[in-house]
Amino acid sequence: MKNKPSIRASLRNYSDLEKMRKDLQDSNRKLDQGQHNLTQKENRLTHWENKERKKRNHRICYKGAHIEYLIPETEELTDDQFIEFCDALFSFPGIMTHIQNIIKKIKEEN
């Protein structure tokens, strides 16, 4: 009977086992919370990236539409032809200086 553990030792082991189970549950809960927080931050980052992309797309479409409004013939141009048109337009002497002056004036007003 010397090899058989006493009832007190068995009860002590049982309480240790219960404590270990509780610790494991707490650890799993904290892991789940950490994973949830990580997912939230990743989703927030994706949201902001998408928001910036949508703002850029809106700005480009808005400005491109205004160019088509002012010069309707640009609608019929291919992409390469449109680029060539813009390059030619902005190569006229004084155009870039005029544009820079307009932008400078706008920035000063703000």
PDB file of N, CA and C in Angstrom:
ATOM      1  N   MET A   1       0.794  -1.197   0.000  1.00  0.00           N
ATOM      2  CA  MET A   1       0.000   0.000   0.000  1.00  0.00           C
ATOM      3  C   MET A   1       0.842   1.269   0.000  1.00  0.00           C
ATOM      4  N   LYS A   2       2.091   1.117   0.095  1.00  0.00           N
ATOM      5  CA  LYS A   2       2.943   2.288   0.097  1.00  0.00           C
ATOM      6  C   LYS A   2       2.962   2.982  -1.267  1.00  0.00           C
ATOM      7  N   ASN A   3       2.767   2.249  -2.356  1.00  0.00           N
ATOM      8  CA  ASN A   3       2.803   2.821  -3.695  1.00  0.00           C
ATOM      9  C   ASN A   3       1.518   3.575  -4.055  1.00  0.00           C
ATOM     10  N   LYS A   4       0.458   3.296  -3.366  1.00  0.00           N
ATOM     11  CA  LYS A   4      -0.824   3.927  -3.662  1.00  0.00           C
ATOM     12  C   LYS A   4      -0.861   5.328  -3.046  1.00  0.00           C
ATOM     13  N   PRO A   5      -1.222   6.382  -3.865  1.00  0.00           N
ATOM     14  CA  PRO A   5      -1.257   7.736  -3.307  1.00  0.00           C
ATOM     15  C   PRO A   5      -2.392   7.891  -2.306  1.00  0.00           C
ATOM     16  N   SER A   6      -2.193   8.760  -1.353  1.00  0.00           N
ATOM     17  CA  SER A   6      -3.220   8.999  -0.344  1.00  0.00           C
ATOM     18  C   SER A   6      -4.364   9.804  -0.961  1.00  0.00           C
ATOM     19  N   ILE A   7      -5.475   9.802  -0.275  1.00  0.00           N
ATOM     20  CA  ILE A   7      -6.639  10.540  -0.753  1.00  0.00           C
ATOM     21  C   ILE A   7      -6.326  12.031  -0.803  1.00  0.00           C
ATOM     22  N   ARG A   8      -5.588  12.526   0.190  1.00  0.00           N
ATOM     23  CA  ARG A   8      -5.227  13.940   0.210  1.00  0.00           C
ATOM     24  C   ARG A   8      -4.373  14.307  -1.006  1.00  0.00           C
ATOM     25  N   ALA A   9      -3.435  13.462  -1.353  1.00  0.00           N
ATOM     26  CA  ALA A   9      -2.584  13.728  -2.517  1.00  0.00           C
ATOM     27  C   ALA A   9      -3.426  13.720  -3.784  1.00  0.00           C
ATOM     28  N   SER A  10      -4.378  12.804  -3.883  1.00  0.00           N
ATOM     29  CA  SER A  10      -5.260  12.750  -5.050  1.00  0.00           C
ATOM     30  C   SER A  10      -6.095  14.019  -5.152  1.00  0.00           C
ATOM     31  N   LEU A  11      -6.627  14.488  -4.031  1.00  0.00           N
ATOM     32  CA  LEU A  11      -7.419  15.706  -4.030  1.00  0.00           C
ATOM     33  C   LEU A  11      -6.565  16.916  -4.400  1.00  0.00           C
ATOM     34  N   ARG A  12      -5.338  16.954  -3.916  1.00  0.00           N
ATOM     35  CA  ARG A  12      -4.430  18.049  -4.246  1.00  0.00           C
ATOM     36  C   ARG A  12      -4.153  18.051  -5.754  1.00  0.00           C
ATOM     37  N   ASN A  13      -3.938  16.868  -6.332  1.00  0.00           N
ATOM     38  CA  ASN A  13      -3.694  16.762  -7.770  1.00  0.00           C
ATOM     39  C   ASN A  13      -4.924  17.213  -8.550  1.00  0.00           C
ATOM     40  N   TYR A  14      -6.102  16.881  -8.035  1.00  0.00           N
ATOM     41  CA  TYR A  14      -7.345  17.267  -8.697  1.00  0.00           C
ATOM     42  C   TYR A  14      -7.473  18.789  -8.726  1.00  0.00           C
ATOM     43  N   SER A  15      -7.171  19.462  -7.626  1.00  0.00           N
ATOM     44  CA  SER A  15      -7.274  20.919  -7.603  1.00  0.00           C
ATOM     45  C   SER A  15      -6.225  21.537  -8.531  1.00  0.00           C
ATOM     46  N   ASP A  16      -5.045  20.935  -8.605  1.00  0.00           N
ATOM     47  CA  ASP A  16      -4.033  21.412  -9.551  1.00  0.00           C
ATOM     48  C   ASP A  16      -4.532  21.255 -10.985  1.00  0.00           C
ATOM     49  N   LEU A  17      -5.182  20.141 -11.247  1.00  0.00           N
ATOM     50  CA  LEU A  17      -5.723  19.890 -12.586  1.00  0.00           C
ATOM     51  C   LEU A  17      -6.807  20.905 -12.927  1.00  0.00           C
ATOM     52  N   GLU A  18      -7.675  21.196 -12.005  1.00  0.00           N
ATOM     53  CA  GLU A  18      -8.722  22.187 -12.220  1.00  0.00           C
ATOM     54  C   GLU A  18      -8.117  23.577 -12.462  1.00  0.00           C
ATOM     55  N   LYS A  19      -7.077  23.907 -11.700  1.00  0.00           N
ATOM     56  CA  LYS A  19      -6.404  25.198 -11.897  1.00  0.00           C
ATOM     57  C   LYS A  19      -5.782  25.255 -13.291  1.00  0.00           C
ATOM     58  N   MET A  20      -5.196  24.178 -13.736  1.00  0.00           N
ATOM     59  CA  MET A  20      -4.584  24.132 -15.060  1.00  0.00           C
ATOM     60  C   MET A  20      -5.656  24.271 -16.148  1.00  0.00           C
ATOM     61  N   ARG A  21      -6.812  23.626 -15.949  1.00  0.00           N
ATOM     62  CA  ARG A  21      -7.911  23.750 -16.913  1.00  0.00           C
ATOM     63  C   ARG A  21      -8.393  25.195 -17.001  1.00  0.00           C
ATOM     64  N   LYS A  22      -8.537  25.831 -15.823  1.00  0.00           N
ATOM     65  CA  LYS A  22      -8.973  27.225 -15.792  1.00  0.00           C
ATOM     66  C   LYS A  22      -7.942  28.110 -16.490  1.00  0.00           C
ATOM     67  N   ASP A  23      -6.671  27.887 -16.220  1.00  0.00           N
ATOM     68  CA  ASP A  23      -5.612  28.664 -16.876  1.00  0.00           C
ATOM     69  C   ASP A  23      -5.649  28.477 -18.388  1.00  0.00           C
ATOM     70  N   LEU A  24      -5.893  27.251 -18.840  1.00  0.00           N
ATOM     71  CA  LEU A  24      -5.979  26.967 -20.266  1.00  0.00           C
ATOM     72  C   LEU A  24      -7.167  27.698 -20.890  1.00  0.00           C
ATOM     73  N   GLN A  25      -8.302  27.680 -20.207  1.00  0.00           N
ATOM     74  CA  GLN A  25      -9.478  28.403 -20.702  1.00  0.00           C
ATOM     75  C   GLN A  25      -9.206  29.906 -20.790  1.00  0.00           C
ATOM     76  N   ASP A  26      -8.559  30.450 -19.751  1.00  0.00           N
ATOM     77  CA  ASP A  26      -8.221  31.882 -19.763  1.00  0.00           C
ATOM     78  C   ASP A  26      -7.274  32.204 -20.916  1.00  0.00           C
ATOM     79  N   SER A  27      -6.296  31.343 -21.132  1.00  0.00           N
ATOM     80  CA  SER A  27      -5.339  31.555 -22.224  1.00  0.00           C
ATOM     81  C   SER A  27      -6.038  31.499 -23.581  1.00  0.00           C
ATOM     82  N   ASN A  28      -6.941  30.535 -23.754  1.00  0.00           N
ATOM     83  CA  ASN A  28      -7.686  30.423 -25.012  1.00  0.00           C
ATOM     84  C   ASN A  28      -8.571  31.644 -25.245  1.00  0.00           C
ATOM     85  N   ARG A  29      -9.178  32.131 -24.167  1.00  0.00           N
ATOM     86  CA  ARG A  29     -10.019  33.330 -24.272  1.00  0.00           C
ATOM     87  C   ARG A  29      -9.174  34.530 -24.689  1.00  0.00           C
ATOM     88  N   LYS A  30      -8.007  34.690 -24.067  1.00  0.00           N
ATOM     89  CA  LYS A  30      -7.121  35.804 -24.420  1.00  0.00           C
ATOM     90  C   LYS A  30      -6.621  35.668 -25.857  1.00  0.00           C
ATOM     91  N   LEU A  31      -6.331  34.453 -26.299  1.00  0.00           N
ATOM     92  CA  LEU A  31      -5.908  34.224 -27.674  1.00  0.00           C
ATOM     93  C   LEU A  31      -7.023  34.610 -28.637  1.00  0.00           C
ATOM     94  N   ASP A  32      -8.243  34.194 -28.337  1.00  0.00           N
ATOM     95  CA  ASP A  32      -9.387  34.550 -29.181  1.00  0.00           C
ATOM     96  C   ASP A  32      -9.569  36.070 -29.248  1.00  0.00           C
ATOM     97  N   GLN A  33      -9.429  36.734 -28.102  1.00  0.00           N
ATOM     98  CA  GLN A  33      -9.558  38.191 -28.074  1.00  0.00           C
ATOM     99  C   GLN A  33      -8.464  38.845 -28.916  1.00  0.00           C
ATOM    100  N   GLY A  34      -7.245  38.344 -28.787  1.00  0.00           N
ATOM    101  CA  GLY A  34      -6.134  38.886 -29.562  1.00  0.00           C
ATOM    102  C   GLY A  34      -6.352  38.710 -31.053  1.00  0.00           C
ATOM    103  N   GLN A  35      -6.827  37.536 -31.448  1.00  0.00           N
ATOM    104  CA  GLN A  35      -7.103  37.285 -32.866  1.00  0.00           C
ATOM    105  C   GLN A  35      -8.227  38.193 -33.363  1.00  0.00           C
ATOM    106  N   HIS A  36      -9.236  38.399 -32.532  1.00  0.00           N
ATOM    107  CA  HIS A  36     -10.352  39.277 -32.900  1.00  0.00           C
ATOM    108  C   HIS A  36      -9.854  40.715 -33.082  1.00  0.00           C
ATOM    109  N   ASN A  37      -9.027  41.187 -32.150  1.00  0.00           N
ATOM    110  CA  ASN A  37      -8.476  42.549 -32.256  1.00  0.00           C
ATOM    111  C   ASN A  37      -7.627  42.701 -33.514  1.00  0.00           C
ATOM    112  N   LEU A  38      -6.831  41.686 -33.829  1.00  0.00           N
ATOM    113  CA  LEU A  38      -6.004  41.719 -35.032  1.00  0.00           C
ATOM    114  C   LEU A  38      -6.877  41.803 -36.282  1.00  0.00           C
ATOM    115  N   THR A  39      -7.926  41.000 -36.324  1.00  0.00           N
ATOM    116  CA  THR A  39      -8.846  41.019 -37.468  1.00  0.00           C
ATOM    117  C   THR A  39      -9.500  42.391 -37.607  1.00  0.00           C
ATOM    118  N   GLN A  40      -9.900  42.985 -36.489  1.00  0.00           N
ATOM    119  CA  GLN A  40     -10.504  44.319 -36.527  1.00  0.00           C
ATOM    120  C   GLN A  40      -9.540  45.351 -37.107  1.00  0.00           C
ATOM    121  N   LYS A  41      -8.289  45.314 -36.674  1.00  0.00           N
ATOM    122  CA  LYS A  41      -7.294  46.273 -37.167  1.00  0.00           C
ATOM    123  C   LYS A  41      -7.005  46.051 -38.650  1.00  0.00           C
ATOM    124  N   GLU A  42      -6.937  44.797 -39.079  1.00  0.00           N
ATOM    125  CA  GLU A  42      -6.725  44.514 -40.498  1.00  0.00           C
ATOM    126  C   GLU A  42      -7.905  45.022 -41.330  1.00  0.00           C
ATOM    127  N   ASN A  43      -9.126  44.808 -40.830  1.00  0.00           N
ATOM    128  CA  ASN A  43     -10.316  45.290 -41.537  1.00  0.00           C
ATOM    129  C   ASN A  43     -10.343  46.813 -41.605  1.00  0.00           C
ATOM    130  N   ARG A  44      -9.948  47.463 -40.523  1.00  0.00           N
ATOM    131  CA  ARG A  44      -9.914  48.925 -40.502  1.00  0.00           C
ATOM    132  C   ARG A  44      -8.897  49.449 -41.521  1.00  0.00           C
ATOM    133  N   LEU A  45      -7.724  48.806 -41.586  1.00  0.00           N
ATOM    134  CA  LEU A  45      -6.698  49.209 -42.549  1.00  0.00           C
ATOM    135  C   LEU A  45      -7.200  49.038 -43.977  1.00  0.00           C
ATOM    136  N   THR A  46      -7.838  47.904 -44.267  1.00  0.00           N
ATOM    137  CA  THR A  46      -8.395  47.660 -45.598  1.00  0.00           C
ATOM    138  C   THR A  46      -9.453  48.713 -45.928  1.00  0.00           C
ATOM    139  N   HIS A  47     -10.279  49.054 -44.945  1.00  0.00           N
ATOM    140  CA  HIS A  47     -11.324  50.072 -45.150  1.00  0.00           C
ATOM    141  C   HIS A  47     -10.698  51.404 -45.556  1.00  0.00           C
ATOM    142  N   TRP A  48      -9.652  51.843 -44.845  1.00  0.00           N
ATOM    143  CA  TRP A  48      -9.022  53.122 -45.151  1.00  0.00           C
ATOM    144  C   TRP A  48      -8.323  53.097 -46.499  1.00  0.00           C
ATOM    145  N   GLU A  49      -7.685  51.958 -46.827  1.00  0.00           N
ATOM    146  CA  GLU A  49      -7.044  51.843 -48.137  1.00  0.00           C
ATOM    147  C   GLU A  49      -8.085  51.945 -49.252  1.00  0.00           C
ATOM    148  N   ASN A  50      -9.213  51.275 -49.078  1.00  0.00           N
ATOM    149  CA  ASN A  50     -10.292  51.334 -50.074  1.00  0.00           C
ATOM    150  C   ASN A  50     -10.865  52.746 -50.173  1.00  0.00           C
ATOM    151  N   LYS A  51     -10.998  53.398 -49.032  1.00  0.00           N
ATOM    152  CA  LYS A  51     -11.558  54.753 -49.020  1.00  0.00           C
ATOM    153  C   LYS A  51     -10.646  55.707 -49.792  1.00  0.00           C
ATOM    154  N   GLU A  52      -9.333  55.598 -49.583  1.00  0.00           N
ATOM    155  CA  GLU A  52      -8.380  56.456 -50.301  1.00  0.00           C
ATOM    156  C   GLU A  52      -8.415  56.163 -51.801  1.00  0.00           C
ATOM    157  N   ARG A  53      -8.506  54.889 -52.159  1.00  0.00           N
ATOM    158  CA  ARG A  53      -8.564  54.508 -53.575  1.00  0.00           C
ATOM    159  C   ARG A  53      -9.828  55.068 -54.218  1.00  0.00           C
ATOM    160  N   LYS A  54     -10.959  54.996 -53.526  1.00  0.00           N
ATOM    161  CA  LYS A  54     -12.217  55.509 -54.063  1.00  0.00           C
ATOM    162  C   LYS A  54     -12.165  57.028 -54.220  1.00  0.00           C
ATOM    163  N   LYS A  55     -11.545  57.710 -53.254  1.00  0.00           N
ATOM    164  CA  LYS A  55     -11.413  59.167 -53.367  1.00  0.00           C
ATOM    165  C   LYS A  55     -10.570  59.528 -54.588  1.00  0.00           C
ATOM    166  N   ARG A  56      -9.484  58.789 -54.806  1.00  0.00           N
ATOM    167  CA  ARG A  56      -8.616  59.054 -55.961  1.00  0.00           C
ATOM    168  C   ARG A  56      -9.376  58.794 -57.265  1.00  0.00           C
ATOM    169  N   ASN A  57     -10.092  57.669 -57.326  1.00  0.00           N
ATOM    170  CA  ASN A  57     -10.870  57.360 -58.525  1.00  0.00           C
ATOM    171  C   ASN A  57     -11.908  58.440 -58.809  1.00  0.00           C
ATOM    172  N   HIS A  58     -12.571  58.902 -57.772  1.00  0.00           N
ATOM    173  CA  HIS A  58     -13.572  59.953 -57.941  1.00  0.00           C
ATOM    174  C   HIS A  58     -12.930  61.221 -58.495  1.00  0.00           C
ATOM    175  N   ARG A  59     -11.794  61.600 -57.908  1.00  0.00           N
ATOM    176  CA  ARG A  59     -11.102  62.819 -58.344  1.00  0.00           C
ATOM    177  C   ARG A  59     -10.687  62.717 -59.814  1.00  0.00           C
ATOM    178  N   ILE A  60     -10.119  61.575 -60.205  1.00  0.00           N
ATOM    179  CA  ILE A  60      -9.671  61.390 -61.590  1.00  0.00           C
ATOM    180  C   ILE A  60     -10.867  61.431 -62.550  1.00  0.00           C
ATOM    181  N   CYS A  61     -11.936  60.742 -62.217  1.00  0.00           N
ATOM    182  CA  CYS A  61     -13.123  60.720 -63.080  1.00  0.00           C
ATOM    183  C   CYS A  61     -13.743  62.110 -63.193  1.00  0.00           C
ATOM    184  N   TYR A  62     -13.817  62.819 -62.080  1.00  0.00           N
ATOM    185  CA  TYR A  62     -14.408  64.158 -62.067  1.00  0.00           C
ATOM    186  C   TYR A  62     -13.629  65.102 -62.974  1.00  0.00           C
ATOM    187  N   LYS A  63     -12.310  65.074 -62.820  1.00  0.00           N
ATOM    188  CA  LYS A  63     -11.481  65.986 -63.616  1.00  0.00           C
ATOM    189  C   LYS A  63     -11.465  65.583 -65.089  1.00  0.00           C
ATOM    190  N   GLY A  64     -11.418  64.282 -65.353  1.00  0.00           N
ATOM    191  CA  GLY A  64     -11.465  63.802 -66.743  1.00  0.00           C
ATOM    192  C   GLY A  64     -12.787  64.159 -67.401  1.00  0.00           C
ATOM    193  N   ALA A  65     -13.869  64.066 -66.652  1.00  0.00           N
ATOM    194  CA  ALA A  65     -15.185  64.412 -67.194  1.00  0.00           C
ATOM    195  C   ALA A  65     -15.254  65.898 -67.527  1.00  0.00           C
ATOM    196  N   HIS A  66     -14.599  66.717 -66.725  1.00  0.00           N
ATOM    197  CA  HIS A  66     -14.610  68.160 -67.013  1.00  0.00           C
ATOM    198  C   HIS A  66     -13.823  68.460 -68.294  1.00  0.00           C
ATOM    199  N   ILE A  67     -12.730  67.740 -68.498  1.00  0.00           N
ATOM    200  CA  ILE A  67     -11.977  67.921 -69.755  1.00  0.00           C
ATOM    201  C   ILE A  67     -12.867  67.539 -70.937  1.00  0.00           C
ATOM    202  N   GLU A  68     -13.596  66.422 -70.837  1.00  0.00           N
ATOM    203  CA  GLU A  68     -14.509  66.013 -71.919  1.00  0.00           C
ATOM    204  C   GLU A  68     -15.632  67.037 -72.105  1.00  0.00           C
ATOM    205  N   TYR A  69     -16.057  67.673 -71.026  1.00  0.00           N
ATOM    206  CA  TYR A  69     -17.095  68.698 -71.125  1.00  0.00           C
ATOM    207  C   TYR A  69     -16.566  69.907 -71.899  1.00  0.00           C
ATOM    208  N   LEU A  70     -15.340  70.298 -71.576  1.00  0.00           N
ATOM    209  CA  LEU A  70     -14.753  71.464 -72.242  1.00  0.00           C
ATOM    210  C   LEU A  70     -14.362  71.172 -73.689  1.00  0.00           C
ATOM    211  N   ILE A  71     -13.871  69.972 -73.933  1.00  0.00           N
ATOM    212  CA  ILE A  71     -13.424  69.579 -75.283  1.00  0.00           C
ATOM    213  C   ILE A  71     -14.079  68.229 -75.602  1.00  0.00           C
ATOM    214  N   PRO A  72     -15.328  68.212 -76.064  1.00  0.00           N
ATOM    215  CA  PRO A  72     -16.070  66.967 -76.281  1.00  0.00           C
ATOM    216  C   PRO A  72     -15.378  66.000 -77.246  1.00  0.00           C
ATOM    217  N   GLU A  73     -14.566  66.524 -78.145  1.00  0.00           N
ATOM    218  CA  GLU A  73     -13.896  65.661 -79.122  1.00  0.00           C
ATOM    219  C   GLU A  73     -12.904  64.683 -78.461  1.00  0.00           C
ATOM    220  N   THR A  74     -12.468  64.976 -77.242  1.00  0.00           N
ATOM    221  CA  THR A  74     -11.512  64.079 -76.580  1.00  0.00           C
ATOM    222  C   THR A  74     -12.132  62.726 -76.257  1.00  0.00           C
ATOM    223  N   GLU A  75     -13.439  62.660 -76.236  1.00  0.00           N
ATOM    224  CA  GLU A  75     -14.123  61.392 -75.948  1.00  0.00           C
ATOM    225  C   GLU A  75     -13.810  60.342 -77.015  1.00  0.00           C
ATOM    226  N   GLU A  76     -13.617  60.792 -78.243  1.00  0.00           N
ATOM    227  CA  GLU A  76     -13.374  59.874 -79.363  1.00  0.00           C
ATOM    228  C   GLU A  76     -11.916  59.424 -79.457  1.00  0.00           C
ATOM    229  N   LEU A  77     -11.017  60.053 -78.699  1.00  0.00           N
ATOM    230  CA  LEU A  77      -9.595  59.731 -78.782  1.00  0.00           C
ATOM    231  C   LEU A  77      -9.271  58.430 -78.052  1.00  0.00           C
ATOM    232  N   THR A  78      -8.298  57.706 -78.568  1.00  0.00           N
ATOM    233  CA  THR A  78      -7.791  56.538 -77.841  1.00  0.00           C
ATOM    234  C   THR A  78      -6.949  57.049 -76.676  1.00  0.00           C
ATOM    235  N   ASP A  79      -6.555  56.161 -75.793  1.00  0.00           N
ATOM    236  CA  ASP A  79      -5.725  56.564 -74.657  1.00  0.00           C
ATOM    237  C   ASP A  79      -4.428  57.221 -75.136  1.00  0.00           C
ATOM    238  N   ASP A  80      -3.763  56.595 -76.094  1.00  0.00           N
ATOM    239  CA  ASP A  80      -2.502  57.148 -76.608  1.00  0.00           C
ATOM    240  C   ASP A  80      -2.718  58.510 -77.265  1.00  0.00           C
ATOM    241  N   GLN A  81      -3.806  58.642 -78.009  1.00  0.00           N
ATOM    242  CA  GLN A  81      -4.100  59.926 -78.661  1.00  0.00           C
ATOM    243  C   GLN A  81      -4.393  61.007 -77.625  1.00  0.00           C
ATOM    244  N   PHE A  82      -5.099  60.629 -76.577  1.00  0.00           N
ATOM    245  CA  PHE A  82      -5.409  61.594 -75.519  1.00  0.00           C
ATOM    246  C   PHE A  82      -4.130  62.065 -74.829  1.00  0.00           C
ATOM    247  N   ILE A  83      -3.220  61.135 -74.540  1.00  0.00           N
ATOM    248  CA  ILE A  83      -1.938  61.496 -73.930  1.00  0.00           C
ATOM    249  C   ILE A  83      -1.167  62.440 -74.853  1.00  0.00           C
ATOM    250  N   GLU A  84      -1.146  62.110 -76.135  1.00  0.00           N
ATOM    251  CA  GLU A  84      -0.454  62.955 -77.110  1.00  0.00           C
ATOM    252  C   GLU A  84      -1.086  64.361 -77.147  1.00  0.00           C
ATOM    253  N   PHE A  85      -2.417  64.406 -77.103  1.00  0.00           N
ATOM    254  CA  PHE A  85      -3.136  65.681 -77.082  1.00  0.00           C
ATOM    255  C   PHE A  85      -2.744  66.512 -75.858  1.00  0.00           C
ATOM    256  N   CYS A  86      -2.755  65.866 -74.685  1.00  0.00           N
ATOM    257  CA  CYS A  86      -2.403  66.587 -73.449  1.00  0.00           C
ATOM    258  C   CYS A  86      -0.957  67.067 -73.497  1.00  0.00           C
ATOM    259  N   ASP A  87      -0.054  66.208 -73.970  1.00  0.00           N
ATOM    260  CA  ASP A  87       1.354  66.609 -74.077  1.00  0.00           C
ATOM    261  C   ASP A  87       1.490  67.825 -74.991  1.00  0.00           C
ATOM    262  N   ALA A  88       0.780  67.811 -76.107  1.00  0.00           N
ATOM    263  CA  ALA A  88       0.845  68.938 -77.048  1.00  0.00           C
ATOM    264  C   ALA A  88       0.247  70.197 -76.422  1.00  0.00           C
ATOM    265  N   LEU A  89      -0.883  70.028 -75.737  1.00  0.00           N
ATOM    266  CA  LEU A  89      -1.548  71.170 -75.113  1.00  0.00           C
ATOM    267  C   LEU A  89      -0.640  71.849 -74.088  1.00  0.00           C
ATOM    268  N   PHE A  90       0.014  71.056 -73.270  1.00  0.00           N
ATOM    269  CA  PHE A  90       0.842  71.629 -72.205  1.00  0.00           C
ATOM    270  C   PHE A  90       2.233  72.020 -72.673  1.00  0.00           C
ATOM    271  N   SER A  91       2.540  71.777 -73.940  1.00  0.00           N
ATOM    272  CA  SER A  91       3.849  72.175 -74.450  1.00  0.00           C
ATOM    273  C   SER A  91       3.839  73.589 -75.039  1.00  0.00           C
ATOM    274  N   PHE A  92       2.665  74.188 -75.169  1.00  0.00           N
ATOM    275  CA  PHE A  92       2.599  75.560 -75.676  1.00  0.00           C
ATOM    276  C   PHE A  92       3.338  76.499 -74.720  1.00  0.00           C
ATOM    277  N   PRO A  93       4.088  77.444 -75.273  1.00  0.00           N
ATOM    278  CA  PRO A  93       4.831  78.372 -74.417  1.00  0.00           C
ATOM    279  C   PRO A  93       3.883  79.148 -73.500  1.00  0.00           C
ATOM    280  N   GLY A  94       4.243  79.236 -72.253  1.00  0.00           N
ATOM    281  CA  GLY A  94       3.474  80.031 -71.297  1.00  0.00           C
ATOM    282  C   GLY A  94       2.345  79.283 -70.621  1.00  0.00           C
ATOM    283  N   ILE A  95       1.933  78.145 -71.134  1.00  0.00           N
ATOM    284  CA  ILE A  95       0.805  77.406 -70.526  1.00  0.00           C
ATOM    285  C   ILE A  95       1.173  76.930 -69.116  1.00  0.00           C
ATOM    286  N   MET A  96       2.327  76.281 -68.967  1.00  0.00           N
ATOM    287  CA  MET A  96       2.715  75.763 -67.659  1.00  0.00           C
ATOM    288  C   MET A  96       2.909  76.903 -66.656  1.00  0.00           C
ATOM    289  N   THR A  97       3.480  77.997 -67.112  1.00  0.00           N
ATOM    290  CA  THR A  97       3.652  79.159 -66.227  1.00  0.00           C
ATOM    291  C   THR A  97       2.293  79.688 -65.796  1.00  0.00           C
ATOM    292  N   HIS A  98       1.366  79.760 -66.722  1.00  0.00           N
ATOM    293  CA  HIS A  98       0.018  80.229 -66.414  1.00  0.00           C
ATOM    294  C   HIS A  98      -0.657  79.293 -65.403  1.00  0.00           C
ATOM    295  N   ILE A  99      -0.547  77.999 -65.635  1.00  0.00           N
ATOM    296  CA  ILE A  99      -1.153  77.013 -64.722  1.00  0.00           C
ATOM    297  C   ILE A  99      -0.515  77.119 -63.335  1.00  0.00           C
ATOM    298  N   GLN A 100       0.793  77.233 -63.276  1.00  0.00           N
ATOM    299  CA  GLN A 100       1.482  77.347 -61.985  1.00  0.00           C
ATOM    300  C   GLN A 100       1.053  78.615 -61.250  1.00  0.00           C
ATOM    301  N   ASN A 101       0.853  79.712 -61.982  1.00  0.00           N
ATOM    302  CA  ASN A 101       0.381  80.948 -61.355  1.00  0.00           C
ATOM    303  C   ASN A 101      -1.027  80.789 -60.788  1.00  0.00           C
ATOM    304  N   ILE A 102      -1.888  80.095 -61.522  1.00  0.00           N
ATOM    305  CA  ILE A 102      -3.254  79.847 -61.039  1.00  0.00           C
ATOM    306  C   ILE A 102      -3.214  79.016 -59.760  1.00  0.00           C
ATOM    307  N   ILE A 103      -2.420  77.950 -59.772  1.00  0.00           N
ATOM    308  CA  ILE A 103      -2.327  77.074 -58.596  1.00  0.00           C
ATOM    309  C   ILE A 103      -1.750  77.843 -57.408  1.00  0.00           C
ATOM    310  N   LYS A 104      -0.717  78.657 -57.646  1.00  0.00           N
ATOM    311  CA  LYS A 104      -0.120  79.473 -56.585  1.00  0.00           C
ATOM    312  C   LYS A 104      -1.152  80.415 -55.983  1.00  0.00           C
ATOM    313  N   LYS A 105      -1.944  81.050 -56.826  1.00  0.00           N
ATOM    314  CA  LYS A 105      -2.979  81.990 -56.362  1.00  0.00           C
ATOM    315  C   LYS A 105      -4.021  81.259 -55.515  1.00  0.00           C
ATOM    316  N   ILE A 106      -4.433  80.083 -55.964  1.00  0.00           N
ATOM    317  CA  ILE A 106      -5.428  79.290 -55.218  1.00  0.00           C
ATOM    318  C   ILE A 106      -4.885  78.895 -53.846  1.00  0.00           C
ATOM    319  N   LYS A 107      -3.632  78.481 -53.813  1.00  0.00           N
ATOM    320  CA  LYS A 107      -3.029  78.069 -52.534  1.00  0.00           C
ATOM    321  C   LYS A 107      -2.892  79.253 -51.587  1.00  0.00           C
ATOM    322  N   GLU A 108      -2.596  80.411 -52.108  1.00  0.00           N
ATOM    323  CA  GLU A 108      -2.479  81.608 -51.271  1.00  0.00           C
ATOM    324  C   GLU A 108      -3.832  82.005 -50.677  1.00  0.00           C
ATOM    325  N   GLU A 109      -4.901  81.779 -51.436  1.00  0.00           N
ATOM    326  CA  GLU A 109      -6.240  82.125 -50.958  1.00  0.00           C
ATOM    327  C   GLU A 109      -6.691  81.188 -49.831  1.00  0.00           C
ATOM    328  N   ASN A 110      -6.200  79.966 -49.877  1.00  0.00           N
ATOM    329  CA  ASN A 110      -6.573  78.993 -48.837  1.00  0.00           C
ATOM    330  C   ASN A 110      -5.684  79.210 -47.660  1.00  0.00           C
TER     331      ASN A 110
END
